[in-house]
Amino acid sequence: MEQALAAADTAWVLAAFTAVVLMVPGLALFYSGMLGVKSALNMIMMVFGGFAVTAVLWVLFGPAAVLGDSVGGLGLIGDPFTDIGLGSLLEEDPDGGMPAALTAAFHLLFAGITVAIIAGGVADRMKFSAWLVFSGIWVVLVYFPVAHWVFAFDDEEAGTKGGWIANALAAHDFAGGTAVHMNSGVAALALAIALGRRRGFPHVARPHNLPLVVLGGGILLFGWFGFNGGSAGGANHTAGVVVLNTLVAAMAGLLGWLIVERIKEKHATTLGAISGVIAALVGITPAASLVSPLGALLIGVVSGAVGCFAVSWKFRMGYDDSLDVVAIHLMGGVVGTTLIAFVATAAAPAGVDGLFFGGGIDFLGRQIVAMAAVFAYSFAVTFLIAKALDKIMGIRVDTETEMRGIDVPVHGETAYVMDSFSPTGPSTLRPEVFAEDRDVIVPKS
């Protein structure tokens, strides 16, 4: 019986793993469609490129740094030198438990997607070579430590110490509201400030393909059931509650964003709808095992509404977060991580009560400390990495490349082949003419 249950758990996490893998192309399409056509391919390359660099470094020392025994028992970083190359993961568990290689692979996806999310903040203007170097340095110096803080738990049987947020602070973050979403959102903000605004900001190119955005967002929605559901660790009651909460929160987020958008802009847009879904998915990520479906609805609708309000902040404050990583990921992470302290219920799998159900105020305090620590560390280190790379190799494309679009000068490709044929022969119009973005978004005051 126990072996059958272990096999079922492994099968579920394998299925979740494959769903999360789809989030990589989903994010690439979601981001790419929101850009003008001249840099659409560059964004796809940034998503996949950042993920690729992360995968290589993960094999070298990622699992030990994130999930391993904390260096000096301080809870700051796992010992990265305990399993270089992951050779130990080839050994089969004699008890038939969850394969260690699968656990490592699942957490690799978290790391790679966190890096990829950052790319949305610097679209249209960052050197591809600098992005790849930045990705490698950032995942080692920022993601690995922060993920250790949040995801590594003490193991008394093995005699290992985990991260300080998960253990000493005892803050709650089910699947990465702080380590993944706040972390990437803060990093995108810091990198965007270091890089500077796009030329012509705030008059920026319109999304060139909204159906592509919705397709990418739909793939992300699908993958999120693996992201959250797989974090339950098996085919169990927790997984069932988590996927239900994930779905209802996403739909509430769609409505929350559209309500605010309708009031503010007098329109309910397709881009707003899918953005609300993603913002709510971010919000429910830290809370999925701690709240009831009603709590999930509240987190979803608030995440969507706050995200819609936050989109305009970049125009008021002057930072150029190209694809609203701050509004969706940073603020979604803040909303979800904060609201846990109010709407968590002991009836949910995690068994913890928030303030609305008789829990103590210390719950909220712990959540705030965790968020503040991630914000401060991620922003400071990201900004320093960006400034150092700018001094060493330069991180921004030249003016001509930025105005022309990055796809052709850097990648030698265009997203669409625009040659047309008539009865008299090929059109004389050049493809690069079609590649010019003539429509721009003019932000409302």
Protein backbone atom coordinates (compact mmCIF):
# COMPACT_ATOMS: atom_id res chain seq x y z
CA MET A 1 0.00 0.00 0.00
CA GLU A 2 2.74 2.46 0.92
CA GLN A 3 4.61 1.72 -2.31
CA ALA A 4 1.44 2.33 -4.30
CA LEU A 5 0.92 5.69 -2.58
CA ALA A 6 4.54 6.66 -3.19
CA ALA A 7 4.18 5.76 -6.87
CA ALA A 8 1.00 7.86 -7.10
CA ASP A 9 2.75 10.82 -5.48
CA THR A 10 5.66 10.51 -7.90
CA ALA A 11 3.28 10.29 -10.86
CA TRP A 12 1.46 13.44 -9.74
CA VAL A 13 4.65 15.45 -9.31
CA LEU A 14 5.89 14.20 -12.71
CA ALA A 15 2.64 15.42 -14.26
CA ALA A 16 2.94 18.73 -12.42
CA PHE A 17 6.52 19.03 -13.62
CA THR A 18 5.48 18.73 -17.26
CA ALA A 19 2.77 21.34 -16.74
CA VAL A 20 5.25 23.79 -15.23
CA VAL A 21 7.66 23.23 -18.15
CA LEU A 22 4.94 24.66 -20.41
CA MET A 23 5.04 27.87 -18.40
CA VAL A 24 8.35 28.74 -20.07
CA PRO A 25 6.95 29.04 -23.63
CA GLY A 26 3.74 30.38 -22.11
CA LEU A 27 5.61 33.26 -20.49
CA ALA A 28 7.58 33.84 -23.71
CA LEU A 29 4.37 34.18 -25.75
CA PHE A 30 2.63 36.26 -23.07
CA TYR A 31 5.50 38.74 -22.97
CA SER A 32 6.25 38.71 -26.69
CA GLY A 33 2.72 39.56 -27.74
CA MET A 34 2.70 42.63 -25.49
CA LEU A 35 5.67 44.15 -27.30
CA GLY A 36 5.92 45.87 -30.63
CA VAL A 37 6.79 43.54 -33.48
CA LYS A 38 10.38 44.79 -33.74
CA SER A 39 11.52 43.16 -30.49
CA ALA A 40 9.10 40.25 -30.15
CA LEU A 41 11.70 37.56 -30.87
CA ASN A 42 14.23 39.15 -28.56
CA MET A 43 11.82 38.73 -25.64
CA ILE A 44 11.31 35.04 -26.47
CA MET A 45 15.09 34.65 -26.56
CA MET A 46 15.48 36.42 -23.21
CA VAL A 47 12.97 34.09 -21.53
CA PHE A 48 14.54 30.92 -22.90
CA GLY A 49 18.10 32.23 -22.56
CA GLY A 50 17.70 33.16 -18.91
CA PHE A 51 16.16 29.78 -18.20
CA ALA A 52 19.01 27.98 -20.00
CA VAL A 53 21.70 29.76 -17.97
CA THR A 54 19.84 28.90 -14.77
CA ALA A 55 19.62 25.22 -15.73
CA VAL A 56 23.38 24.97 -16.24
CA LEU A 57 24.17 26.60 -12.90
CA TRP A 58 21.52 24.52 -11.16
CA VAL A 59 23.27 21.30 -12.17
CA LEU A 60 26.54 22.61 -10.77
CA PHE A 61 25.32 23.48 -7.27
CA GLY A 62 21.70 24.69 -7.25
CA PRO A 63 19.84 22.07 -5.17
CA ALA A 64 22.47 22.08 -2.43
CA ALA A 65 22.47 25.89 -2.26
CA VAL A 66 18.67 26.10 -2.12
CA LEU A 67 17.59 22.98 -0.25
CA GLY A 68 20.80 21.82 1.41
CA ASP A 69 22.12 22.14 4.94
CA SER A 70 22.51 25.79 5.85
CA VAL A 71 26.10 27.02 6.06
CA GLY A 72 26.97 27.54 9.73
CA GLY A 73 23.34 26.89 10.68
CA LEU A 74 22.58 30.57 9.95
CA GLY A 75 19.71 29.96 7.56
CA LEU A 76 21.19 32.18 4.85
CA ILE A 77 22.38 29.75 2.15
CA GLY A 78 22.75 26.02 1.73
CA ASP A 79 26.23 24.55 1.33
CA PRO A 80 26.72 24.63 -2.47
CA PHE A 81 29.72 22.28 -2.43
CA THR A 82 28.03 19.20 -0.98
CA ASP A 83 26.84 17.76 -4.30
CA ILE A 84 28.50 19.47 -7.27
CA GLY A 85 27.16 18.00 -10.50
CA LEU A 86 24.24 16.24 -8.74
CA GLY A 87 25.84 12.81 -8.97
CA SER A 88 24.13 11.65 -5.78
CA LEU A 89 20.72 12.11 -7.39
CA LEU A 90 21.36 9.08 -9.59
CA GLU A 91 20.97 6.81 -6.57
CA GLU A 92 17.51 5.29 -6.20
CA ASP A 93 15.71 5.63 -2.88
CA PRO A 94 15.60 2.08 -1.43
CA ASP A 95 12.31 2.92 0.30
CA GLY A 96 10.68 3.88 -3.00
CA GLY A 97 10.01 7.49 -1.99
CA MET A 98 9.94 10.60 -4.14
CA PRO A 99 12.99 10.55 -6.45
CA ALA A 100 15.49 13.20 -5.36
CA ALA A 101 16.16 13.96 -9.03
CA LEU A 102 12.49 14.86 -9.54
CA THR A 103 12.52 17.19 -6.55
CA ALA A 104 15.64 18.88 -7.94
CA ALA A 105 14.09 19.17 -11.40
CA PHE A 106 10.88 20.67 -10.00
CA HIS A 107 12.79 23.34 -8.09
CA LEU A 108 14.90 24.05 -11.17
CA LEU A 109 11.72 25.14 -12.91
CA PHE A 110 10.98 27.57 -10.08
CA ALA A 111 14.46 29.08 -10.38
CA GLY A 112 14.35 29.36 -14.18
CA ILE A 113 10.91 30.91 -14.29
CA THR A 114 11.85 33.46 -11.62
CA VAL A 115 14.75 34.63 -13.77
CA ALA A 116 12.61 34.67 -16.91
CA ILE A 117 9.94 36.86 -15.28
CA ILE A 118 12.51 39.63 -14.74
CA ALA A 119 13.01 39.97 -18.51
CA GLY A 120 9.62 41.64 -18.85
CA GLY A 121 10.84 44.68 -16.94
CA VAL A 122 13.67 45.49 -19.35
CA ALA A 123 12.17 44.70 -22.75
CA ASP A 124 13.17 46.70 -25.84
CA ARG A 125 16.50 47.97 -24.55
CA MET A 126 18.81 45.47 -22.81
CA LYS A 127 21.73 43.76 -24.55
CA PHE A 128 21.09 40.06 -25.00
CA SER A 129 24.67 39.20 -24.01
CA ALA A 130 24.40 41.32 -20.87
CA TRP A 131 21.09 39.67 -20.04
CA LEU A 132 22.64 36.20 -20.15
CA VAL A 133 25.50 37.25 -17.89
CA PHE A 134 23.11 39.05 -15.54
CA SER A 135 20.89 35.95 -15.36
CA GLY A 136 23.76 33.76 -14.22
CA ILE A 137 25.02 36.16 -11.58
CA TRP A 138 21.54 37.01 -10.31
CA VAL A 139 20.36 33.45 -9.86
CA VAL A 140 23.47 32.62 -7.79
CA LEU A 141 23.62 35.78 -5.67
CA VAL A 142 19.90 36.50 -5.27
CA TYR A 143 17.63 33.58 -6.10
CA PHE A 144 19.62 30.79 -4.47
CA PRO A 145 19.86 32.55 -1.07
CA VAL A 146 16.26 33.83 -1.04
CA ALA A 147 14.88 30.44 -2.12
CA HIS A 148 16.88 28.84 0.69
CA TRP A 149 15.33 31.26 3.17
CA VAL A 150 11.82 30.31 2.06
CA PHE A 151 11.87 26.71 0.79
CA ALA A 152 14.47 24.92 2.97
CA PHE A 153 12.98 23.42 6.13
CA ASP A 154 14.83 21.99 9.10
CA ASP A 155 15.17 18.21 9.07
CA GLU A 156 15.78 16.91 12.58
CA GLU A 157 16.13 13.32 11.41
CA ALA A 158 18.87 14.22 8.95
CA GLY A 159 20.34 16.85 11.27
CA THR A 160 20.13 19.65 8.71
CA LYS A 161 19.17 23.31 9.11
CA GLY A 162 17.01 25.21 6.64
CA GLY A 163 16.31 28.85 5.80
CA TRP A 164 15.60 31.53 8.38
CA ILE A 165 12.26 32.69 6.93
CA ALA A 166 10.80 29.17 6.84
CA ASN A 167 12.10 28.14 10.26
CA ALA A 168 13.31 30.86 12.63
CA LEU A 169 10.74 33.42 11.45
CA ALA A 170 8.07 30.81 10.59
CA ALA A 171 6.48 32.97 7.91
CA HIS A 172 4.12 31.22 5.49
CA ASP A 173 4.72 31.04 1.74
CA PHE A 174 3.27 27.92 0.15
CA ALA A 175 4.80 28.06 -3.35
CA GLY A 176 6.83 31.22 -3.77
CA GLY A 177 4.97 34.49 -3.28
CA THR A 178 8.18 35.94 -1.85
CA ALA A 179 10.97 33.78 -3.30
CA VAL A 180 9.59 33.73 -6.84
CA HIS A 181 7.18 36.59 -7.48
CA MET A 182 8.20 39.36 -5.11
CA ASN A 183 11.83 38.48 -5.79
CA SER A 184 11.45 38.74 -9.57
CA GLY A 185 9.25 41.84 -9.35
CA VAL A 186 11.71 43.70 -7.15
CA ALA A 187 14.61 42.62 -9.37
CA ALA A 188 12.76 43.84 -12.47
CA LEU A 189 12.22 47.21 -10.79
CA ALA A 190 15.87 47.56 -9.77
CA LEU A 191 17.16 46.47 -13.18
CA ALA A 192 14.75 48.78 -15.02
CA ILE A 193 15.91 51.75 -12.93
CA ALA A 194 19.58 50.89 -13.49
CA LEU A 195 19.01 50.45 -17.21
CA GLY A 196 17.00 53.62 -17.70
CA ARG A 197 13.78 54.30 -19.57
CA ARG A 198 13.12 53.43 -23.18
CA ARG A 199 13.60 56.25 -25.64
CA GLY A 200 10.24 57.88 -26.15
CA PHE A 201 8.80 56.63 -22.85
CA PRO A 202 5.94 56.93 -21.91
CA HIS A 203 4.85 56.81 -25.57
CA VAL A 204 5.49 53.14 -26.19
CA ALA A 205 4.55 50.66 -28.91
CA ARG A 206 1.21 48.94 -28.65
CA PRO A 207 1.02 45.17 -28.11
CA HIS A 208 1.45 43.73 -31.58
CA ASN A 209 -0.56 40.51 -31.03
CA LEU A 210 -3.18 40.33 -28.28
CA PRO A 211 -4.36 36.81 -29.19
CA LEU A 212 -0.74 35.71 -28.62
CA VAL A 213 -0.84 37.35 -25.20
CA VAL A 214 -4.03 35.49 -24.29
CA LEU A 215 -2.62 32.21 -25.61
CA GLY A 216 0.52 32.67 -23.51
CA GLY A 217 -1.56 33.62 -20.48
CA GLY A 218 -3.76 30.57 -20.96
CA ILE A 219 -0.70 28.33 -21.05
CA LEU A 220 0.52 29.99 -17.86
CA LEU A 221 -2.85 29.29 -16.23
CA PHE A 222 -2.55 25.63 -17.17
CA GLY A 223 1.02 25.43 -15.91
CA TRP A 224 0.11 27.10 -12.64
CA PHE A 225 -1.91 24.06 -11.58
CA GLY A 226 1.38 22.17 -11.75
CA PHE A 227 3.28 25.01 -10.09
CA ASN A 228 0.95 25.16 -7.09
CA GLY A 229 -0.48 21.65 -7.18
CA GLY A 230 2.93 20.01 -7.49
CA SER A 231 4.10 21.96 -4.46
CA ALA A 232 1.74 19.83 -2.39
CA GLY A 233 4.33 17.08 -2.82
CA GLY A 234 2.00 14.33 -3.95
CA ALA A 235 -1.46 13.14 -4.96
CA ASN A 236 -3.16 14.12 -1.72
CA HIS A 237 -5.87 16.22 -0.11
CA THR A 238 -3.65 19.30 -0.09
CA ALA A 239 -3.20 19.13 -3.85
CA GLY A 240 -6.95 19.01 -4.35
CA VAL A 241 -7.58 22.10 -2.22
CA VAL A 242 -4.67 23.92 -3.84
CA VAL A 243 -5.81 23.45 -7.44
CA LEU A 244 -9.37 24.50 -6.54
CA ASN A 245 -8.13 27.65 -4.80
CA THR A 246 -5.82 28.39 -7.72
CA LEU A 247 -8.64 28.23 -10.27
CA VAL A 248 -11.21 30.30 -8.37
CA ALA A 249 -8.63 32.94 -7.47
CA ALA A 250 -7.63 33.30 -11.13
CA MET A 251 -11.20 33.88 -12.24
CA ALA A 252 -11.81 36.36 -9.43
CA GLY A 253 -8.67 38.20 -10.48
CA LEU A 254 -9.96 38.55 -14.03
CA LEU A 255 -13.13 40.19 -12.72
CA GLY A 256 -11.27 42.36 -10.22
CA TRP A 257 -8.99 43.81 -12.90
CA LEU A 258 -11.88 44.42 -15.33
CA ILE A 259 -14.02 46.18 -12.72
CA VAL A 260 -11.24 48.65 -11.92
CA GLU A 261 -10.35 49.04 -15.59
CA ARG A 262 -13.97 49.75 -16.50
CA ILE A 263 -14.19 52.43 -13.83
CA LYS A 264 -10.83 54.02 -14.69
CA GLU A 265 -10.67 53.69 -18.47
CA LYS A 266 -14.31 53.05 -19.45
CA HIS A 267 -13.26 49.82 -21.18
CA ALA A 268 -12.92 46.17 -20.19
CA THR A 269 -10.00 44.97 -22.31
CA THR A 270 -8.67 41.58 -23.32
CA LEU A 271 -5.21 42.55 -22.10
CA GLY A 272 -6.69 43.56 -18.76
CA ALA A 273 -8.59 40.29 -18.43
CA ILE A 274 -5.57 38.05 -18.91
CA SER A 275 -3.42 40.35 -16.78
CA GLY A 276 -5.94 40.01 -13.98
CA VAL A 277 -5.73 36.23 -14.24
CA ILE A 278 -1.93 36.28 -13.91
CA ALA A 279 -1.97 38.80 -11.04
CA ALA A 280 -4.41 36.60 -9.11
CA LEU A 281 -2.37 33.47 -9.79
CA VAL A 282 0.59 35.28 -8.28
CA GLY A 283 -1.52 36.30 -5.29
CA ILE A 284 -2.82 32.81 -4.53
CA THR A 285 0.62 31.16 -4.88
CA PRO A 286 1.77 31.81 -1.28
CA ALA A 287 -1.70 31.16 0.14
CA ALA A 288 -3.07 28.18 -1.78
CA SER A 289 -2.87 25.66 1.08
CA LEU A 290 -3.80 28.08 3.85
CA VAL A 291 -7.17 29.49 2.77
CA SER A 292 -10.69 28.37 1.94
CA PRO A 293 -12.17 28.88 -1.54
CA LEU A 294 -13.84 32.05 -0.23
CA GLY A 295 -10.46 33.27 0.95
CA ALA A 296 -9.04 32.44 -2.47
CA LEU A 297 -11.78 34.52 -4.11
CA LEU A 298 -10.87 37.49 -1.91
CA ILE A 299 -7.15 37.17 -2.63
CA GLY A 300 -7.86 36.84 -6.36
CA VAL A 301 -10.15 39.84 -6.70
CA VAL A 302 -7.88 42.07 -4.60
CA SER A 303 -4.78 40.98 -6.54
CA GLY A 304 -6.47 41.78 -9.85
CA ALA A 305 -7.78 45.15 -8.66
CA VAL A 306 -4.47 46.22 -7.10
CA GLY A 307 -2.59 45.11 -10.21
CA CYS A 308 -4.78 47.28 -12.41
CA PHE A 309 -4.17 50.31 -10.20
CA ALA A 310 -0.43 49.61 -10.03
CA VAL A 311 0.06 49.63 -13.82
CA SER A 312 -0.17 53.43 -13.84
CA TRP A 313 2.50 53.85 -11.15
CA LYS A 314 5.35 53.64 -13.64
CA PHE A 315 3.99 56.65 -15.52
CA ARG A 316 3.61 58.68 -12.33
CA MET A 317 6.96 57.67 -10.82
CA GLY A 318 8.98 57.58 -14.03
CA TYR A 319 10.42 54.06 -13.91
CA ASP A 320 10.02 52.04 -17.11
CA ASP A 321 8.88 48.54 -16.19
CA SER A 322 8.13 47.54 -19.78
CA LEU A 323 5.64 44.72 -19.24
CA ASP A 324 4.36 45.56 -15.75
CA VAL A 325 6.29 42.99 -13.76
CA VAL A 326 6.00 45.26 -10.73
CA ALA A 327 2.22 45.59 -10.99
CA ILE A 328 1.57 41.90 -11.58
CA HIS A 329 4.33 39.98 -9.80
CA LEU A 330 5.61 42.29 -7.08
CA MET A 331 2.20 43.61 -6.05
CA GLY A 332 0.51 40.23 -6.53
CA GLY A 333 3.10 38.69 -4.23
CA VAL A 334 2.61 41.43 -1.65
CA VAL A 335 -1.18 41.09 -1.70
CA GLY A 336 -1.16 37.31 -1.39
CA THR A 337 1.54 37.14 1.27
CA THR A 338 -0.17 39.84 3.34
CA LEU A 339 -3.73 38.59 3.07
CA ILE A 340 -2.71 35.13 4.31
CA ALA A 341 -2.38 36.68 7.74
CA PHE A 342 -6.04 37.72 7.62
CA VAL A 343 -7.90 34.95 5.78
CA ALA A 344 -5.91 31.79 6.58
CA THR A 345 -8.08 29.18 8.27
CA ALA A 346 -7.14 26.13 10.30
CA ALA A 347 -9.72 24.18 8.29
CA ALA A 348 -7.39 24.42 5.25
CA PRO A 349 -4.60 21.84 4.86
CA ALA A 350 -1.89 24.03 6.43
CA GLY A 351 -3.98 24.27 9.63
CA VAL A 352 -3.24 27.89 10.54
CA ASP A 353 -5.72 30.62 11.55
CA GLY A 354 -5.39 34.20 10.38
CA LEU A 355 -6.70 37.32 12.10
CA PHE A 356 -10.26 36.89 10.75
CA PHE A 357 -10.42 33.42 12.34
CA GLY A 358 -8.92 34.20 15.72
CA GLY A 359 -5.20 34.07 14.88
CA GLY A 360 -2.68 36.40 16.48
CA ILE A 361 -1.25 39.66 15.15
CA ASP A 362 2.21 38.08 15.20
CA PHE A 363 1.23 36.18 12.01
CA LEU A 364 0.95 39.48 10.12
CA GLY A 365 4.21 40.72 11.63
CA ARG A 366 6.09 37.65 10.44
CA GLN A 367 4.73 38.05 6.93
CA ILE A 368 5.77 41.70 6.81
CA VAL A 369 9.29 40.92 8.01
CA ALA A 370 9.67 38.23 5.34
CA MET A 371 8.51 40.60 2.57
CA ALA A 372 10.69 43.45 3.76
CA ALA A 373 13.77 41.21 3.86
CA VAL A 374 13.21 39.87 0.35
CA PHE A 375 12.52 43.36 -1.01
CA ALA A 376 15.59 44.95 0.53
CA TYR A 377 18.01 42.16 -0.35
CA SER A 378 16.76 41.59 -3.89
CA PHE A 379 16.63 45.28 -4.80
CA ALA A 380 20.05 46.14 -3.40
CA VAL A 381 21.94 43.18 -4.86
CA THR A 382 20.18 43.39 -8.24
CA PHE A 383 20.96 47.08 -8.57
CA LEU A 384 24.62 46.50 -7.69
CA ILE A 385 24.90 43.64 -10.21
CA ALA A 386 23.40 45.82 -12.93
CA LYS A 387 25.68 48.77 -12.22
CA ALA A 388 28.77 46.55 -12.11
CA LEU A 389 27.89 44.90 -15.43
CA ASP A 390 27.23 48.29 -16.98
CA LYS A 391 30.74 49.37 -16.05
CA ILE A 392 32.30 46.16 -17.33
CA MET A 393 30.41 45.40 -20.56
CA GLY A 394 27.52 47.83 -20.92
CA ILE A 395 23.99 46.56 -20.49
CA ARG A 396 21.98 48.71 -22.92
CA VAL A 397 21.78 48.48 -26.70
CA ASP A 398 22.85 51.50 -28.73
CA THR A 399 20.36 54.11 -29.88
CA GLU A 400 20.17 52.86 -33.46
CA THR A 401 19.44 49.28 -32.37
CA GLU A 402 16.81 50.41 -29.91
CA MET A 403 15.03 52.56 -32.48
CA ARG A 404 15.26 49.94 -35.22
CA GLY A 405 14.22 47.10 -32.92
CA ILE A 406 16.43 44.40 -31.44
CA ASP A 407 15.28 41.42 -33.49
CA VAL A 408 17.09 42.15 -36.76
CA PRO A 409 20.36 43.70 -35.47
CA VAL A 410 20.91 41.14 -32.69
CA HIS A 411 19.16 37.97 -33.84
CA GLY A 412 19.04 38.46 -37.62
CA GLU A 413 15.35 37.56 -37.73
CA THR A 414 11.88 39.07 -37.85
CA ALA A 415 8.85 37.64 -36.11
CA TYR A 416 6.72 37.59 -39.25
CA VAL A 417 7.50 37.15 -42.94
CA MET A 418 5.62 39.99 -44.59
CA ASP A 419 6.38 39.25 -48.26
CA SER A 420 3.18 39.41 -50.29
CA PHE A 421 2.52 38.31 -53.84
CA SER A 422 0.27 39.77 -56.46
CA PRO A 423 -0.75 38.48 -59.90
CA THR A 424 2.04 40.57 -61.38
CA GLY A 425 4.79 39.25 -59.11
CA PRO A 426 6.29 39.75 -55.65
CA SER A 427 5.53 42.93 -53.76
CA THR A 428 8.24 45.55 -53.78
CA LEU A 429 7.51 46.49 -50.20
CA ARG A 430 10.38 45.61 -47.91
CA PRO A 431 9.73 43.50 -44.78
CA GLU A 432 11.41 46.06 -42.57
CA VAL A 433 8.76 48.59 -43.53
CA PHE A 434 6.14 46.36 -41.93
CA ALA A 435 8.38 45.93 -38.88
CA GLU A 436 8.04 49.59 -37.93
CA ASP A 437 5.69 50.23 -35.02
CA ARG A 438 3.60 53.22 -35.92
CA ASP A 439 0.95 52.98 -33.22
CA VAL A 440 1.96 53.93 -29.71
CA ILE A 441 0.25 53.90 -26.36
CA VAL A 442 -0.15 57.35 -24.87
CA PRO A 443 -0.73 57.01 -21.12
CA LYS A 444 -3.62 58.89 -19.64
CA SER A 445 -2.90 61.35 -16.90
